[in-house]
PDB file of all heavy atoms in Angstrom:
ATOM      1  N   ALA A   1     127.602  -3.946  63.969  1.00  0.00           N
ATOM      2  CA  ALA A   1     127.763  -4.573  62.654  1.00  0.00           C
ATOM      3  C   ALA A   1     127.200  -5.989  62.665  1.00  0.00           C
ATOM      4  O   ALA A   1     126.592  -6.435  61.682  1.00  0.00           O
ATOM      5  CB  ALA A   1     129.240  -4.582  62.251  1.00  0.00           C
ATOM      6  N   TRP A   2     127.379  -6.714  63.760  1.00  0.00           N
ATOM      7  CA  TRP A   2     126.832  -8.064  63.934  1.00  0.00           C
ATOM      8  C   TRP A   2     125.306  -8.020  63.818  1.00  0.00           C
ATOM      9  O   TRP A   2     124.704  -8.815  63.108  1.00  0.00           O
ATOM     10  CB  TRP A   2     127.275  -8.586  65.301  1.00  0.00           C
ATOM     11  CG  TRP A   2     126.775  -9.911  65.728  1.00  0.00           C
ATOM     12  CD1 TRP A   2     127.401 -11.114  65.554  1.00  0.00           C
ATOM     13  CD2 TRP A   2     125.576 -10.199  66.454  1.00  0.00           C
ATOM     14  NE1 TRP A   2     126.658 -12.116  66.116  1.00  0.00           N
ATOM     15  CE2 TRP A   2     125.533 -11.584  66.679  1.00  0.00           C
ATOM     16  CE3 TRP A   2     124.531  -9.422  66.941  1.00  0.00           C
ATOM     17  CZ2 TRP A   2     124.488 -12.210  67.357  1.00  0.00           C
ATOM     18  CZ3 TRP A   2     123.489 -10.038  67.624  1.00  0.00           C
ATOM     19  CH2 TRP A   2     123.480 -11.416  67.819  1.00  0.00           C
ATOM     20  N   HIS A   3     124.696  -7.083  64.518  1.00  0.00           N
ATOM     21  CA  HIS A   3     123.246  -6.934  64.507  1.00  0.00           C
ATOM     22  C   HIS A   3     122.744  -6.588  63.109  1.00  0.00           C
ATOM     23  O   HIS A   3     121.782  -7.203  62.616  1.00  0.00           O
ATOM     24  CB  HIS A   3     122.837  -5.858  65.521  1.00  0.00           C
ATOM     25  CG  HIS A   3     121.385  -5.801  65.793  1.00  0.00           C
ATOM     26  ND1 HIS A   3     120.565  -4.849  65.227  1.00  0.00           N
ATOM     27  CD2 HIS A   3     120.589  -6.581  66.564  1.00  0.00           C
ATOM     28  CE1 HIS A   3     119.323  -5.041  65.644  1.00  0.00           C
ATOM     29  NE2 HIS A   3     119.305  -6.079  66.446  1.00  0.00           N
ATOM     30  N   THR A   4     123.401  -5.654  62.455  1.00  0.00           N
ATOM     31  CA  THR A   4     123.018  -5.257  61.100  1.00  0.00           C
ATOM     32  C   THR A   4     123.149  -6.432  60.133  1.00  0.00           C
ATOM     33  O   THR A   4     122.250  -6.681  59.318  1.00  0.00           O
ATOM     34  CB  THR A   4     123.886  -4.072  60.633  1.00  0.00           C
ATOM     35  OG1 THR A   4     123.660  -2.966  61.523  1.00  0.00           O
ATOM     36  CG2 THR A   4     123.561  -3.660  59.214  1.00  0.00           C
ATOM     37  N   ALA A   5     124.260  -7.168  60.212  1.00  0.00           N
ATOM     38  CA  ALA A   5     124.462  -8.337  59.339  1.00  0.00           C
ATOM     39  C   ALA A   5     123.400  -9.392  59.592  1.00  0.00           C
ATOM     40  O   ALA A   5     122.905 -10.024  58.651  1.00  0.00           O
ATOM     41  CB  ALA A   5     125.858  -8.922  59.555  1.00  0.00           C
ATOM     42  N   GLY A   6     123.034  -9.584  60.854  1.00  0.00           N
ATOM     43  CA  GLY A   6     122.000 -10.567  61.173  1.00  0.00           C
ATOM     44  C   GLY A   6     120.652 -10.201  60.581  1.00  0.00           C
ATOM     45  O   GLY A   6     119.965 -11.045  60.002  1.00  0.00           O
ATOM     46  N   LEU A   7     120.263  -8.940  60.703  1.00  0.00           N
ATOM     47  CA  LEU A   7     118.983  -8.499  60.145  1.00  0.00           C
ATOM     48  C   LEU A   7     118.980  -8.621  58.619  1.00  0.00           C
ATOM     49  O   LEU A   7     117.966  -8.974  58.029  1.00  0.00           O
ATOM     50  CB  LEU A   7     118.689  -7.057  60.561  1.00  0.00           C
ATOM     51  CG  LEU A   7     118.407  -6.842  62.045  1.00  0.00           C
ATOM     52  CD1 LEU A   7     118.238  -5.353  62.337  1.00  0.00           C
ATOM     53  CD2 LEU A   7     117.203  -7.637  62.512  1.00  0.00           C
ATOM     54  N   ALA A   8     120.114  -8.370  57.989  1.00  0.00           N
ATOM     55  CA  ALA A   8     120.213  -8.443  56.532  1.00  0.00           C
ATOM     56  C   ALA A   8     120.252  -9.879  56.019  1.00  0.00           C
ATOM     57  O   ALA A   8     120.092 -10.103  54.816  1.00  0.00           O
ATOM     58  CB  ALA A   8     121.458  -7.698  56.061  1.00  0.00           C
ATOM     59  N   ASN A   9     120.425 -10.850  56.921  1.00  0.00           N
ATOM     60  CA  ASN A   9     120.580 -12.246  56.508  1.00  0.00           C
ATOM     61  C   ASN A   9     119.557 -13.179  57.145  1.00  0.00           C
ATOM     62  O   ASN A   9     119.844 -14.346  57.404  1.00  0.00           O
ATOM     63  CB  ASN A   9     122.001 -12.718  56.795  1.00  0.00           C
ATOM     64  CG  ASN A   9     122.987 -12.134  55.825  1.00  0.00           C
ATOM     65  OD1 ASN A   9     123.146 -12.654  54.733  1.00  0.00           O
ATOM     66  ND2 ASN A   9     123.617 -11.022  56.196  1.00  0.00           N
ATOM     67  N   GLY A  10     118.370 -12.670  57.410  1.00  0.00           N
ATOM     68  CA  GLY A  10     117.284 -13.522  57.870  1.00  0.00           C
ATOM     69  C   GLY A  10     117.027 -13.547  59.359  1.00  0.00           C
ATOM     70  O   GLY A  10     116.153 -14.261  59.826  1.00  0.00           O
ATOM     71  N   GLY A  11     117.776 -12.760  60.141  1.00  0.00           N
ATOM     72  CA  GLY A  11     117.530 -12.688  61.582  1.00  0.00           C
ATOM     73  C   GLY A  11     116.420 -11.706  61.893  1.00  0.00           C
ATOM     74  O   GLY A  11     116.039 -10.884  61.057  1.00  0.00           O
ATOM     75  N   GLN A  12     115.907 -11.815  63.102  1.00  0.00           N
ATOM     76  CA  GLN A  12     114.863 -10.896  63.565  1.00  0.00           C
ATOM     77  C   GLN A  12     115.320 -10.274  64.876  1.00  0.00           C
ATOM     78  O   GLN A  12     115.887 -10.952  65.726  1.00  0.00           O
ATOM     79  CB  GLN A  12     113.558 -11.637  63.813  1.00  0.00           C
ATOM     80  CG  GLN A  12     112.945 -12.230  62.578  1.00  0.00           C
ATOM     81  CD  GLN A  12     111.662 -12.982  62.910  1.00  0.00           C
ATOM     82  OE1 GLN A  12     111.405 -13.325  64.059  1.00  0.00           O
ATOM     83  NE2 GLN A  12     110.863 -13.242  61.901  1.00  0.00           N
ATOM     84  N   THR A  13     115.052  -8.988  65.015  1.00  0.00           N
ATOM     85  CA  THR A  13     115.428  -8.316  66.247  1.00  0.00           C
ATOM     86  C   THR A  13     114.534  -8.781  67.390  1.00  0.00           C
ATOM     87  O   THR A  13     113.386  -9.177  67.181  1.00  0.00           O
ATOM     88  CB  THR A  13     115.373  -6.779  66.072  1.00  0.00           C
ATOM     89  OG1 THR A  13     116.032  -6.166  67.176  1.00  0.00           O
ATOM     90  CG2 THR A  13     113.967  -6.271  65.941  1.00  0.00           C
ATOM     91  N   CYS A  14     115.073  -8.785  68.572  1.00  0.00           N
ATOM     92  CA  CYS A  14     114.293  -9.112  69.768  1.00  0.00           C
ATOM     93  C   CYS A  14     114.906  -8.355  70.942  1.00  0.00           C
ATOM     94  O   CYS A  14     116.021  -7.856  70.862  1.00  0.00           O
ATOM     95  CB  CYS A  14     114.261 -10.624  70.034  1.00  0.00           C
ATOM     96  SG  CYS A  14     115.837 -11.374  70.430  1.00  0.00           S
ATOM     97  N   GLU A  15     114.169  -8.268  72.016  1.00  0.00           N
ATOM     98  CA  GLU A  15     114.582  -7.507  73.198  1.00  0.00           C
ATOM     99  C   GLU A  15     114.737  -6.042  72.846  1.00  0.00           C
ATOM    100  O   GLU A  15     114.197  -5.557  71.860  1.00  0.00           O
ATOM    101  CB  GLU A  15     115.855  -8.094  73.809  1.00  0.00           C
ATOM    102  CG  GLU A  15     115.669  -9.528  74.277  1.00  0.00           C
ATOM    103  CD  GLU A  15     116.118  -9.774  75.682  1.00  0.00           C
ATOM    104  OE1 GLU A  15     116.609  -8.849  76.349  1.00  0.00           O
ATOM    105  OE2 GLU A  15     115.968 -10.914  76.127  1.00  0.00           O
ATOM    106  N   ASP A  16     115.538  -5.322  73.636  1.00  0.00           N
ATOM    107  CA  ASP A  16     115.780  -3.905  73.402  1.00  0.00           C
ATOM    108  C   ASP A  16     116.741  -3.723  72.234  1.00  0.00           C
ATOM    109  O   ASP A  16     117.474  -4.647  71.877  1.00  0.00           O
ATOM    110  CB  ASP A  16     116.392  -3.261  74.656  1.00  0.00           C
ATOM    111  CG  ASP A  16     115.418  -3.245  75.834  1.00  0.00           C
ATOM    112  OD1 ASP A  16     114.195  -3.179  75.586  1.00  0.00           O
ATOM    113  OD2 ASP A  16     115.879  -3.306  76.983  1.00  0.00           O
ATOM    114  N   PRO A  17     116.782  -2.509  71.651  1.00  0.00           N
ATOM    115  CA  PRO A  17     117.765  -2.254  70.586  1.00  0.00           C
ATOM    116  C   PRO A  17     119.186  -2.419  71.130  1.00  0.00           C
ATOM    117  O   PRO A  17     119.404  -2.373  72.344  1.00  0.00           O
ATOM    118  CB  PRO A  17     117.506  -0.794  70.206  1.00  0.00           C
ATOM    119  CG  PRO A  17     116.175  -0.454  70.746  1.00  0.00           C
ATOM    120  CD  PRO A  17     115.939  -1.353  71.920  1.00  0.00           C
ATOM    121  N   PRO A  18     120.179  -2.590  70.242  1.00  0.00           N
ATOM    122  CA  PRO A  18     121.558  -2.683  70.706  1.00  0.00           C
ATOM    123  C   PRO A  18     121.914  -1.495  71.599  1.00  0.00           C
ATOM    124  O   PRO A  18     121.519  -0.356  71.321  1.00  0.00           O
ATOM    125  CB  PRO A  18     122.374  -2.642  69.409  1.00  0.00           C
ATOM    126  CG  PRO A  18     121.435  -3.177  68.368  1.00  0.00           C
ATOM    127  CD  PRO A  18     120.079  -2.693  68.785  1.00  0.00           C
ATOM    128  N   GLY A  19     122.624  -1.773  72.679  1.00  0.00           N
ATOM    129  CA  GLY A  19     123.003  -0.691  73.579  1.00  0.00           C
ATOM    130  C   GLY A  19     123.620  -1.187  74.870  1.00  0.00           C
ATOM    131  O   GLY A  19     123.847  -2.379  75.061  1.00  0.00           O
ATOM    132  N   VAL A  20     123.868  -0.239  75.756  1.00  0.00           N
ATOM    133  CA  VAL A  20     124.526  -0.493  77.037  1.00  0.00           C
ATOM    134  C   VAL A  20     123.529  -1.068  78.038  1.00  0.00           C
ATOM    135  O   VAL A  20     122.394  -0.604  78.130  1.00  0.00           O
ATOM    136  CB  VAL A  20     125.138   0.817  77.601  1.00  0.00           C
ATOM    137  CG1 VAL A  20     125.733   0.587  78.981  1.00  0.00           C
ATOM    138  CG2 VAL A  20     126.178   1.372  76.644  1.00  0.00           C
ATOM    139  N   ARG A  21     123.963  -2.069  78.771  1.00  0.00           N
ATOM    140  CA  ARG A  21     123.209  -2.629  79.889  1.00  0.00           C
ATOM    141  C   ARG A  21     124.170  -2.652  81.085  1.00  0.00           C
ATOM    142  O   ARG A  21     125.330  -3.027  80.940  1.00  0.00           O
ATOM    143  CB  ARG A  21     122.736  -4.061  79.628  1.00  0.00           C
ATOM    144  CG  ARG A  21     122.101  -4.351  78.290  1.00  0.00           C
ATOM    145  CD  ARG A  21     120.758  -3.663  78.080  1.00  0.00           C
ATOM    146  NE  ARG A  21     120.010  -4.264  76.991  1.00  0.00           N
ATOM    147  CZ  ARG A  21     120.235  -4.071  75.704  1.00  0.00           C
ATOM    148  NH1 ARG A  21     121.215  -3.316  75.307  1.00  0.00           N
ATOM    149  NH2 ARG A  21     119.484  -4.648  74.777  1.00  0.00           N
ATOM    150  N   GLU A  22     123.675  -2.268  82.249  1.00  0.00           N
ATOM    151  CA  GLU A  22     124.514  -2.266  83.438  1.00  0.00           C
ATOM    152  C   GLU A  22     123.848  -3.041  84.554  1.00  0.00           C
ATOM    153  O   GLU A  22     122.630  -3.071  84.654  1.00  0.00           O
ATOM    154  CB  GLU A  22     124.783  -0.829  83.894  1.00  0.00           C
ATOM    155  CG  GLU A  22     125.615  -0.039  82.916  1.00  0.00           C
ATOM    156  CD  GLU A  22     126.000   1.326  83.439  1.00  0.00           C
ATOM    157  OE1 GLU A  22     126.797   1.375  84.400  1.00  0.00           O
ATOM    158  OE2 GLU A  22     125.501   2.322  82.886  1.00  0.00           O
ATOM    159  N   GLY A  23     124.668  -3.659  85.374  1.00  0.00           N
ATOM    160  CA  GLY A  23     124.162  -4.378  86.532  1.00  0.00           C
ATOM    161  C   GLY A  23     125.237  -5.252  87.138  1.00  0.00           C
ATOM    162  O   GLY A  23     126.162  -5.689  86.450  1.00  0.00           O
ATOM    163  N   VAL A  24     125.155  -5.476  88.430  1.00  0.00           N
ATOM    164  CA  VAL A  24     126.081  -6.325  89.180  1.00  0.00           C
ATOM    165  C   VAL A  24     127.531  -5.915  88.900  1.00  0.00           C
ATOM    166  O   VAL A  24     128.404  -6.752  88.696  1.00  0.00           O
ATOM    167  CB  VAL A  24     125.857  -7.824  88.865  1.00  0.00           C
ATOM    168  CG1 VAL A  24     126.555  -8.696  89.888  1.00  0.00           C
ATOM    169  CG2 VAL A  24     124.385  -8.176  88.807  1.00  0.00           C
ATOM    170  N   GLY A  25     127.786  -4.604  88.815  1.00  0.00           N
ATOM    171  CA  GLY A  25     129.137  -4.104  88.609  1.00  0.00           C
ATOM    172  C   GLY A  25     129.668  -4.270  87.200  1.00  0.00           C
ATOM    173  O   GLY A  25     130.854  -4.081  86.957  1.00  0.00           O
ATOM    174  N   LEU A  26     128.800  -4.622  86.243  1.00  0.00           N
ATOM    175  CA  LEU A  26     129.222  -4.807  84.859  1.00  0.00           C
ATOM    176  C   LEU A  26     128.596  -3.746  83.966  1.00  0.00           C
ATOM    177  O   LEU A  26     127.464  -3.317  84.178  1.00  0.00           O
ATOM    178  CB  LEU A  26     128.785  -6.185  84.346  1.00  0.00           C
ATOM    179  CG  LEU A  26     129.384  -7.402  85.022  1.00  0.00           C
ATOM    180  CD1 LEU A  26     128.716  -8.665  84.496  1.00  0.00           C
ATOM    181  CD2 LEU A  26     130.886  -7.452  84.777  1.00  0.00           C
ATOM    182  N   LYS A  27     129.348  -3.360  82.960  1.00  0.00           N
ATOM    183  CA  LYS A  27     128.823  -2.486  81.921  1.00  0.00           C
ATOM    184  C   LYS A  27     129.057  -3.216  80.604  1.00  0.00           C
ATOM    185  O   LYS A  27     130.195  -3.468  80.212  1.00  0.00           O
ATOM    186  CB  LYS A  27     129.550  -1.137  81.923  1.00  0.00           C
ATOM    187  CG  LYS A  27     128.964  -0.122  80.983  1.00  0.00           C
ATOM    188  CD  LYS A  27     129.642   1.232  81.164  1.00  0.00           C
ATOM    189  CE  LYS A  27     129.046   2.261  80.244  1.00  0.00           C
ATOM    190  NZ  LYS A  27     129.737   3.561  80.391  1.00  0.00           N
ATOM    191  N   LEU A  28     127.955  -3.588  79.953  1.00  0.00           N
ATOM    192  CA  LEU A  28     128.002  -4.399  78.743  1.00  0.00           C
ATOM    193  C   LEU A  28     127.321  -3.674  77.600  1.00  0.00           C
ATOM    194  O   LEU A  28     126.350  -2.947  77.808  1.00  0.00           O
ATOM    195  CB  LEU A  28     127.287  -5.736  78.970  1.00  0.00           C
ATOM    196  CG  LEU A  28     127.684  -6.546  80.192  1.00  0.00           C
ATOM    197  CD1 LEU A  28     126.732  -7.715  80.379  1.00  0.00           C
ATOM    198  CD2 LEU A  28     129.117  -7.016  80.062  1.00  0.00           C
ATOM    199  N   TYR A  29     127.796  -3.913  76.398  1.00  0.00           N
ATOM    200  CA  TYR A  29     127.111  -3.443  75.200  1.00  0.00           C
ATOM    201  C   TYR A  29     126.606  -4.689  74.491  1.00  0.00           C
ATOM    202  O   TYR A  29     127.399  -5.558  74.114  1.00  0.00           O
ATOM    203  CB  TYR A  29     128.061  -2.650  74.303  1.00  0.00           C
ATOM    204  CG  TYR A  29     127.342  -1.910  73.199  1.00  0.00           C
ATOM    205  CD1 TYR A  29     126.829  -0.635  73.416  1.00  0.00           C
ATOM    206  CD2 TYR A  29     127.163  -2.478  71.950  1.00  0.00           C
ATOM    207  CE1 TYR A  29     126.167   0.058  72.409  1.00  0.00           C
ATOM    208  CE2 TYR A  29     126.500  -1.801  70.934  1.00  0.00           C
ATOM    209  CZ  TYR A  29     126.001  -0.534  71.176  1.00  0.00           C
ATOM    210  OH  TYR A  29     125.333   0.138  70.180  1.00  0.00           O
ATOM    211  N   LEU A  30     125.284  -4.806  74.335  1.00  0.00           N
ATOM    212  CA  LEU A  30     124.657  -6.022  73.834  1.00  0.00           C
ATOM    213  C   LEU A  30     123.730  -5.743  72.660  1.00  0.00           C
ATOM    214  O   LEU A  30     123.137  -4.671  72.565  1.00  0.00           O
ATOM    215  CB  LEU A  30     123.795  -6.665  74.935  1.00  0.00           C
ATOM    216  CG  LEU A  30     124.480  -7.128  76.205  1.00  0.00           C
ATOM    217  CD1 LEU A  30     123.442  -7.395  77.278  1.00  0.00           C
ATOM    218  CD2 LEU A  30     125.279  -8.370  75.920  1.00  0.00           C
ATOM    219  N   ALA A  31     123.574  -6.767  71.825  1.00  0.00           N
ATOM    220  CA  ALA A  31     122.552  -6.771  70.781  1.00  0.00           C
ATOM    221  C   ALA A  31     121.987  -8.185  70.718  1.00  0.00           C
ATOM    222  O   ALA A  31     122.735  -9.160  70.818  1.00  0.00           O
ATOM    223  CB  ALA A  31     123.136  -6.375  69.429  1.00  0.00           C
ATOM    224  N   TYR A  32     120.687  -8.297  70.561  1.00  0.00           N
ATOM    225  CA  TYR A  32     120.009  -9.593  70.514  1.00  0.00           C
ATOM    226  C   TYR A  32     119.345  -9.804  69.160  1.00  0.00           C
ATOM    227  O   TYR A  32     118.843  -8.868  68.541  1.00  0.00           O
ATOM    228  CB  TYR A  32     118.924  -9.678  71.589  1.00  0.00           C
ATOM    229  CG  TYR A  32     119.464  -9.771  72.979  1.00  0.00           C
ATOM    230  CD1 TYR A  32     119.686  -8.627  73.736  1.00  0.00           C
ATOM    231  CD2 TYR A  32     119.753 -11.007  73.545  1.00  0.00           C
ATOM    232  CE1 TYR A  32     120.184  -8.719  75.027  1.00  0.00           C
ATOM    233  CE2 TYR A  32     120.256 -11.108  74.831  1.00  0.00           C
ATOM    234  CZ  TYR A  32     120.471  -9.954  75.561  1.00  0.00           C
ATOM    235  OH  TYR A  32     120.973 -10.045  76.833  1.00  0.00           O
ATOM    236  N   LEU A  33     119.326 -11.065  68.725  1.00  0.00           N
ATOM    237  CA  LEU A  33     118.635 -11.473  67.507  1.00  0.00           C
ATOM    238  C   LEU A  33     118.004 -12.842  67.706  1.00  0.00           C
ATOM    239  O   LEU A  33     118.461 -13.626  68.550  1.00  0.00           O
ATOM    240  CB  LEU A  33     119.623 -11.600  66.333  1.00  0.00           C
ATOM    241  CG  LEU A  33     120.230 -10.345  65.756  1.00  0.00           C
ATOM    242  CD1 LEU A  33     121.370 -10.704  64.810  1.00  0.00           C
ATOM    243  CD2 LEU A  33     119.181  -9.515  65.040  1.00  0.00           C
TER     244      LEU A  33
END
């Protein structure tokens, strides 16, 4: 919802689409703008 609101209000997507990233024993769900 954060990502969608950002795109609707003048933000631009960057990096990979929103989703899961894993590494160093962490599992994160991220979105970038």
